[in-house]
Amino acid sequence: MPKFISSYVKYVDLICEKVGRFVMYWVFFMMFLLILSFVTRNIINYPLMWIIEMAQFTITAYYLLGGGYSMITDDHVRMDLFYGKLSKKGKAKMDIFTSVFLIFYLVLLFIGSITSLIYTIETKQKLFTAWAPYVWPIKTLMLIGILLMLLQAFSTLFKDIAKMRERKI
């Protein structure tokens, strides 16, 4: 594989791995928020309006920013109807075929997230709840997460092409 592609794969994998490992610990923050919600609502009898929405934002950022990492570690869901019976080369060919659809989907999602973020910023969009937080922070994280998944999808595609050709990256 060309040096440019090797460098691309190396750096994208590194970025997605670092982001994924960092975000992995956000689940503990979300658990803290949910426990705090239980304590303030049921024990102290002083419910805080913002806790549940903050937990929802946290878990949304968690799975959006962790998408690229799950692709690196191959922890994503795969329909294994006949995939498991394929050879290593056959699996690489199947992954290349399905990567085209994934990349197309992620490009559309990325374009949609850009327009959604622009709209959110222009209109100063807030949620229609008692807390009424601004939506732009979570939409920004959504955009970053989709971008990381898109970059990782290309990285995975390059790795599958190398596998199919029986070359190292």
C-alpha atoms as a PDB file:
ATOM      1  CA  MET A   1       0.000   0.000   0.000  1.00  0.00           C
ATOM      2  CA  PRO A   2       1.178   3.551  -0.660  1.00  0.00           C
ATOM      3  CA  LYS A   3       2.820   5.409   2.201  1.00  0.00           C
ATOM      4  CA  PHE A   4      -0.001   7.988   2.251  1.00  0.00           C
ATOM      5  CA  ILE A   5      -2.600   5.278   2.895  1.00  0.00           C
ATOM      6  CA  SER A   6      -0.429   3.611   5.528  1.00  0.00           C
ATOM      7  CA  SER A   7      -0.014   6.945   7.313  1.00  0.00           C
ATOM      8  CA  TYR A   8      -3.727   7.685   7.011  1.00  0.00           C
ATOM      9  CA  VAL A   9      -4.659   4.323   8.552  1.00  0.00           C
ATOM     10  CA  LYS A  10      -2.089   4.727  11.321  1.00  0.00           C
ATOM     11  CA  TYR A  11      -3.201   8.221  12.353  1.00  0.00           C
ATOM     12  CA  VAL A  12      -6.951   7.665  12.008  1.00  0.00           C
ATOM     13  CA  ASP A  13      -6.718   4.455  14.027  1.00  0.00           C
ATOM     14  CA  LEU A  14      -4.678   6.285  16.668  1.00  0.00           C
ATOM     15  CA  ILE A  15      -7.153   9.176  16.928  1.00  0.00           C
ATOM     16  CA  CYS A  16     -10.208   6.893  17.059  1.00  0.00           C
ATOM     17  CA  GLU A  17      -8.535   4.678  19.639  1.00  0.00           C
ATOM     18  CA  LYS A  18      -7.584   7.618  21.881  1.00  0.00           C
ATOM     19  CA  VAL A  19     -11.043   9.179  21.615  1.00  0.00           C
ATOM     20  CA  GLY A  20     -12.725   5.816  22.191  1.00  0.00           C
ATOM     21  CA  ARG A  21     -10.632   5.006  25.251  1.00  0.00           C
ATOM     22  CA  PHE A  22     -11.314   8.475  26.689  1.00  0.00           C
ATOM     23  CA  VAL A  23     -15.059   8.299  26.036  1.00  0.00           C
ATOM     24  CA  MET A  24     -15.213   4.762  27.430  1.00  0.00           C
ATOM     25  CA  TYR A  25     -15.138   6.210  30.935  1.00  0.00           C
ATOM     26  CA  TRP A  26     -18.080   8.538  30.344  1.00  0.00           C
ATOM     27  CA  VAL A  27     -20.374   5.655  31.203  1.00  0.00           C
ATOM     28  CA  PHE A  28     -19.262   6.096  34.823  1.00  0.00           C
ATOM     29  CA  PHE A  29     -20.223   9.774  34.688  1.00  0.00           C
ATOM     30  CA  MET A  30     -23.629   8.763  33.328  1.00  0.00           C
ATOM     31  CA  MET A  31     -24.030   6.200  36.133  1.00  0.00           C
ATOM     32  CA  PHE A  32     -23.102   8.903  38.666  1.00  0.00           C
ATOM     33  CA  LEU A  33     -25.778  11.184  37.196  1.00  0.00           C
ATOM     34  CA  LEU A  34     -28.423   8.460  37.375  1.00  0.00           C
ATOM     35  CA  ILE A  35     -27.522   7.608  40.984  1.00  0.00           C
ATOM     36  CA  LEU A  36     -27.609  11.318  41.833  1.00  0.00           C
ATOM     37  CA  SER A  37     -31.025  11.526  40.208  1.00  0.00           C
ATOM     38  CA  PHE A  38     -32.261   8.605  42.319  1.00  0.00           C
ATOM     39  CA  VAL A  39     -30.884  10.134  45.530  1.00  0.00           C
ATOM     40  CA  THR A  40     -32.226  13.640  44.908  1.00  0.00           C
ATOM     41  CA  ARG A  41     -35.623  12.408  43.728  1.00  0.00           C
ATOM     42  CA  ASN A  42     -36.334   9.558  46.152  1.00  0.00           C
ATOM     43  CA  ILE A  43     -34.218  10.142  49.264  1.00  0.00           C
ATOM     44  CA  ILE A  44     -33.792  13.920  49.547  1.00  0.00           C
ATOM     45  CA  ASN A  45     -37.103  14.614  47.751  1.00  0.00           C
ATOM     46  CA  TYR A  46     -35.526  17.458  45.768  1.00  0.00           C
ATOM     47  CA  PRO A  47     -35.559  16.396  42.112  1.00  0.00           C
ATOM     48  CA  LEU A  48     -33.125  18.197  39.835  1.00  0.00           C
ATOM     49  CA  MET A  49     -34.514  18.955  36.379  1.00  0.00           C
ATOM     50  CA  TRP A  50     -31.278  18.679  34.442  1.00  0.00           C
ATOM     51  CA  ILE A  51     -29.940  15.286  35.553  1.00  0.00           C
ATOM     52  CA  ILE A  52     -31.853  12.945  33.244  1.00  0.00           C
ATOM     53  CA  GLU A  53     -31.232  15.104  30.178  1.00  0.00           C
ATOM     54  CA  MET A  54     -27.542  15.374  31.041  1.00  0.00           C
ATOM     55  CA  ALA A  55     -27.403  11.575  31.337  1.00  0.00           C
ATOM     56  CA  GLN A  56     -29.077  11.300  27.919  1.00  0.00           C
ATOM     57  CA  PHE A  57     -26.556  13.730  26.416  1.00  0.00           C
ATOM     58  CA  THR A  58     -23.708  11.789  28.016  1.00  0.00           C
ATOM     59  CA  ILE A  59     -24.818   8.401  26.669  1.00  0.00           C
ATOM     60  CA  THR A  60     -25.461   9.933  23.232  1.00  0.00           C
ATOM     61  CA  ALA A  61     -21.939  11.342  23.117  1.00  0.00           C
ATOM     62  CA  TYR A  62     -20.657   8.014  24.468  1.00  0.00           C
ATOM     63  CA  TYR A  63     -22.003   5.918  21.624  1.00  0.00           C
ATOM     64  CA  LEU A  64     -21.425   8.498  18.888  1.00  0.00           C
ATOM     65  CA  LEU A  65     -17.803   9.185  19.788  1.00  0.00           C
ATOM     66  CA  GLY A  66     -17.131   5.501  20.463  1.00  0.00           C
ATOM     67  CA  GLY A  67     -18.281   4.341  17.016  1.00  0.00           C
ATOM     68  CA  GLY A  68     -14.868   4.573  15.381  1.00  0.00           C
ATOM     69  CA  TYR A  69     -13.265   2.703  18.281  1.00  0.00           C
ATOM     70  CA  SER A  70     -15.795  -0.114  18.006  1.00  0.00           C
ATOM     71  CA  MET A  71     -14.867  -0.437  14.327  1.00  0.00           C
ATOM     72  CA  ILE A  72     -11.166  -0.744  15.220  1.00  0.00           C
ATOM     73  CA  THR A  73     -11.796  -3.402  17.847  1.00  0.00           C
ATOM     74  CA  ASP A  74     -14.345  -5.165  15.596  1.00  0.00           C
ATOM     75  CA  ASP A  75     -16.947  -4.990  18.364  1.00  0.00           C
ATOM     76  CA  HIS A  76     -19.764  -3.783  16.161  1.00  0.00           C
ATOM     77  CA  VAL A  77     -22.732  -5.980  15.294  1.00  0.00           C
ATOM     78  CA  ARG A  78     -22.364  -8.138  12.215  1.00  0.00           C
ATOM     79  CA  MET A  79     -24.949 -10.455  10.662  1.00  0.00           C
ATOM     80  CA  ASP A  80     -23.136 -13.790  10.613  1.00  0.00           C
ATOM     81  CA  LEU A  81     -25.471 -15.761   8.381  1.00  0.00           C
ATOM     82  CA  PHE A  82     -22.740 -16.957   6.030  1.00  0.00           C
ATOM     83  CA  TYR A  83     -19.892 -14.539   6.800  1.00  0.00           C
ATOM     84  CA  GLY A  84     -18.272 -16.880   9.328  1.00  0.00           C
ATOM     85  CA  LYS A  85     -17.872 -19.612   6.706  1.00  0.00           C
ATOM     86  CA  LEU A  86     -15.921 -17.389   4.328  1.00  0.00           C
ATOM     87  CA  SER A  87     -12.146 -17.499   4.028  1.00  0.00           C
ATOM     88  CA  LYS A  88     -10.031 -14.576   5.240  1.00  0.00           C
ATOM     89  CA  LYS A  89      -9.889 -13.246   1.686  1.00  0.00           C
ATOM     90  CA  GLY A  90     -13.624 -13.824   1.231  1.00  0.00           C
ATOM     91  CA  LYS A  91     -14.369 -11.908   4.437  1.00  0.00           C
ATOM     92  CA  ALA A  92     -12.199  -9.041   3.203  1.00  0.00           C
ATOM     93  CA  LYS A  93     -14.106  -8.964  -0.110  1.00  0.00           C
ATOM     94  CA  MET A  94     -17.451  -8.982   1.726  1.00  0.00           C
ATOM     95  CA  ASP A  95     -16.262  -6.200   4.035  1.00  0.00           C
ATOM     96  CA  ILE A  96     -15.131  -4.132   1.041  1.00  0.00           C
ATOM     97  CA  PHE A  97     -18.545  -4.597  -0.577  1.00  0.00           C
ATOM     98  CA  THR A  98     -20.440  -3.577   2.557  1.00  0.00           C
ATOM     99  CA  SER A  99     -18.018  -0.699   3.275  1.00  0.00           C
ATOM    100  CA  VAL A 100     -19.266   1.062   0.155  1.00  0.00           C
ATOM    101  CA  PHE A 101     -22.785   1.182   1.626  1.00  0.00           C
ATOM    102  CA  LEU A 102     -21.508   2.186   5.067  1.00  0.00           C
ATOM    103  CA  ILE A 103     -19.434   5.039   3.640  1.00  0.00           C
ATOM    104  CA  PHE A 104     -22.369   6.240   1.517  1.00  0.00           C
ATOM    105  CA  TYR A 105     -24.612   6.200   4.600  1.00  0.00           C
ATOM    106  CA  LEU A 106     -22.033   7.995   6.762  1.00  0.00           C
ATOM    107  CA  VAL A 107     -21.453  10.683   4.103  1.00  0.00           C
ATOM    108  CA  LEU A 108     -25.198  11.400   4.006  1.00  0.00           C
ATOM    109  CA  LEU A 109     -25.326  11.385   7.808  1.00  0.00           C
ATOM    110  CA  PHE A 110     -22.342  13.738   7.955  1.00  0.00           C
ATOM    111  CA  ILE A 111     -23.898  16.188   5.483  1.00  0.00           C
ATOM    112  CA  GLY A 112     -27.163  16.063   7.425  1.00  0.00           C
ATOM    113  CA  SER A 113     -25.382  16.669  10.716  1.00  0.00           C
ATOM    114  CA  ILE A 114     -23.597  19.712   9.269  1.00  0.00           C
ATOM    115  CA  THR A 115     -26.862  21.288   8.107  1.00  0.00           C
ATOM    116  CA  SER A 116     -28.519  20.366  11.409  1.00  0.00           C
ATOM    117  CA  LEU A 117     -25.701  21.973  13.406  1.00  0.00           C
ATOM    118  CA  ILE A 118     -25.807  25.130  11.275  1.00  0.00           C
ATOM    119  CA  TYR A 119     -29.581  25.381  11.772  1.00  0.00           C
ATOM    120  CA  THR A 120     -29.188  24.809  15.514  1.00  0.00           C
ATOM    121  CA  ILE A 121     -26.579  27.544  15.848  1.00  0.00           C
ATOM    122  CA  GLU A 122     -28.470  30.042  13.674  1.00  0.00           C
ATOM    123  CA  THR A 123     -31.752  29.575  15.553  1.00  0.00           C
ATOM    124  CA  LYS A 124     -30.166  29.160  19.002  1.00  0.00           C
ATOM    125  CA  GLN A 125     -32.193  25.986  19.349  1.00  0.00           C
ATOM    126  CA  LYS A 126     -33.042  24.738  22.834  1.00  0.00           C
ATOM    127  CA  LEU A 127     -34.885  21.672  24.042  1.00  0.00           C
ATOM    128  CA  PHE A 128     -38.505  22.213  25.020  1.00  0.00           C
ATOM    129  CA  THR A 129     -38.082  21.063  28.604  1.00  0.00           C
ATOM    130  CA  ALA A 130     -37.980  22.739  32.007  1.00  0.00           C
ATOM    131  CA  TRP A 131     -34.176  22.854  31.914  1.00  0.00           C
ATOM    132  CA  ALA A 132     -34.130  24.050  28.259  1.00  0.00           C
ATOM    133  CA  PRO A 133     -30.471  23.407  27.418  1.00  0.00           C
ATOM    134  CA  TYR A 134     -28.939  24.524  24.144  1.00  0.00           C
ATOM    135  CA  VAL A 135     -28.700  21.728  21.582  1.00  0.00           C
ATOM    136  CA  TRP A 136     -25.511  22.834  19.789  1.00  0.00           C
ATOM    137  CA  PRO A 137     -23.071  21.022  22.142  1.00  0.00           C
ATOM    138  CA  ILE A 138     -24.578  17.585  21.546  1.00  0.00           C
ATOM    139  CA  LYS A 139     -24.985  18.262  17.823  1.00  0.00           C
ATOM    140  CA  THR A 140     -21.314  19.266  17.650  1.00  0.00           C
ATOM    141  CA  LEU A 141     -20.342  15.989  19.329  1.00  0.00           C
ATOM    142  CA  MET A 142     -22.658  14.195  16.901  1.00  0.00           C
ATOM    143  CA  LEU A 143     -20.846  15.795  13.962  1.00  0.00           C
ATOM    144  CA  ILE A 144     -17.431  14.860  15.388  1.00  0.00           C
ATOM    145  CA  GLY A 145     -18.554  11.284  16.090  1.00  0.00           C
ATOM    146  CA  ILE A 146     -19.919  10.811  12.578  1.00  0.00           C
ATOM    147  CA  LEU A 147     -16.726  12.282  11.095  1.00  0.00           C
ATOM    148  CA  LEU A 148     -14.591   9.896  13.154  1.00  0.00           C
ATOM    149  CA  MET A 149     -16.710   6.945  12.030  1.00  0.00           C
ATOM    150  CA  LEU A 150     -16.427   8.051   8.411  1.00  0.00           C
ATOM    151  CA  LEU A 151     -12.653   8.382   8.652  1.00  0.00           C
ATOM    152  CA  GLN A 152     -12.480   4.998  10.386  1.00  0.00           C
ATOM    153  CA  ALA A 153     -14.674   3.428   7.694  1.00  0.00           C
ATOM    154  CA  PHE A 154     -12.127   4.494   5.078  1.00  0.00           C
ATOM    155  CA  SER A 155      -9.313   3.173   7.267  1.00  0.00           C
ATOM    156  CA  THR A 156     -11.094  -0.166   7.586  1.00  0.00           C
ATOM    157  CA  LEU A 157     -11.704  -0.224   3.835  1.00  0.00           C
ATOM    158  CA  PHE A 158      -7.992   0.279   3.186  1.00  0.00           C
ATOM    159  CA  LYS A 159      -7.130  -2.498   5.661  1.00  0.00           C
ATOM    160  CA  ASP A 160      -9.610  -4.853   3.946  1.00  0.00           C
ATOM    161  CA  ILE A 161      -8.144  -4.076   0.530  1.00  0.00           C
ATOM    162  CA  ALA A 162      -4.699  -4.899   1.937  1.00  0.00           C
ATOM    163  CA  LYS A 163      -6.061  -8.179   3.390  1.00  0.00           C
ATOM    164  CA  MET A 164      -7.644  -9.081   0.071  1.00  0.00           C
ATOM    165  CA  ARG A 165      -4.338  -8.459  -1.705  1.00  0.00           C
ATOM    166  CA  GLU A 166      -2.484 -10.271   1.098  1.00  0.00           C
ATOM    167  CA  ARG A 167      -0.346  -7.244   1.838  1.00  0.00           C
ATOM    168  CA  LYS A 168       0.482  -5.419   5.019  1.00  0.00           C
ATOM    169  CA  ILE A 169      -0.484  -1.861   5.678  1.00  0.00           C
END
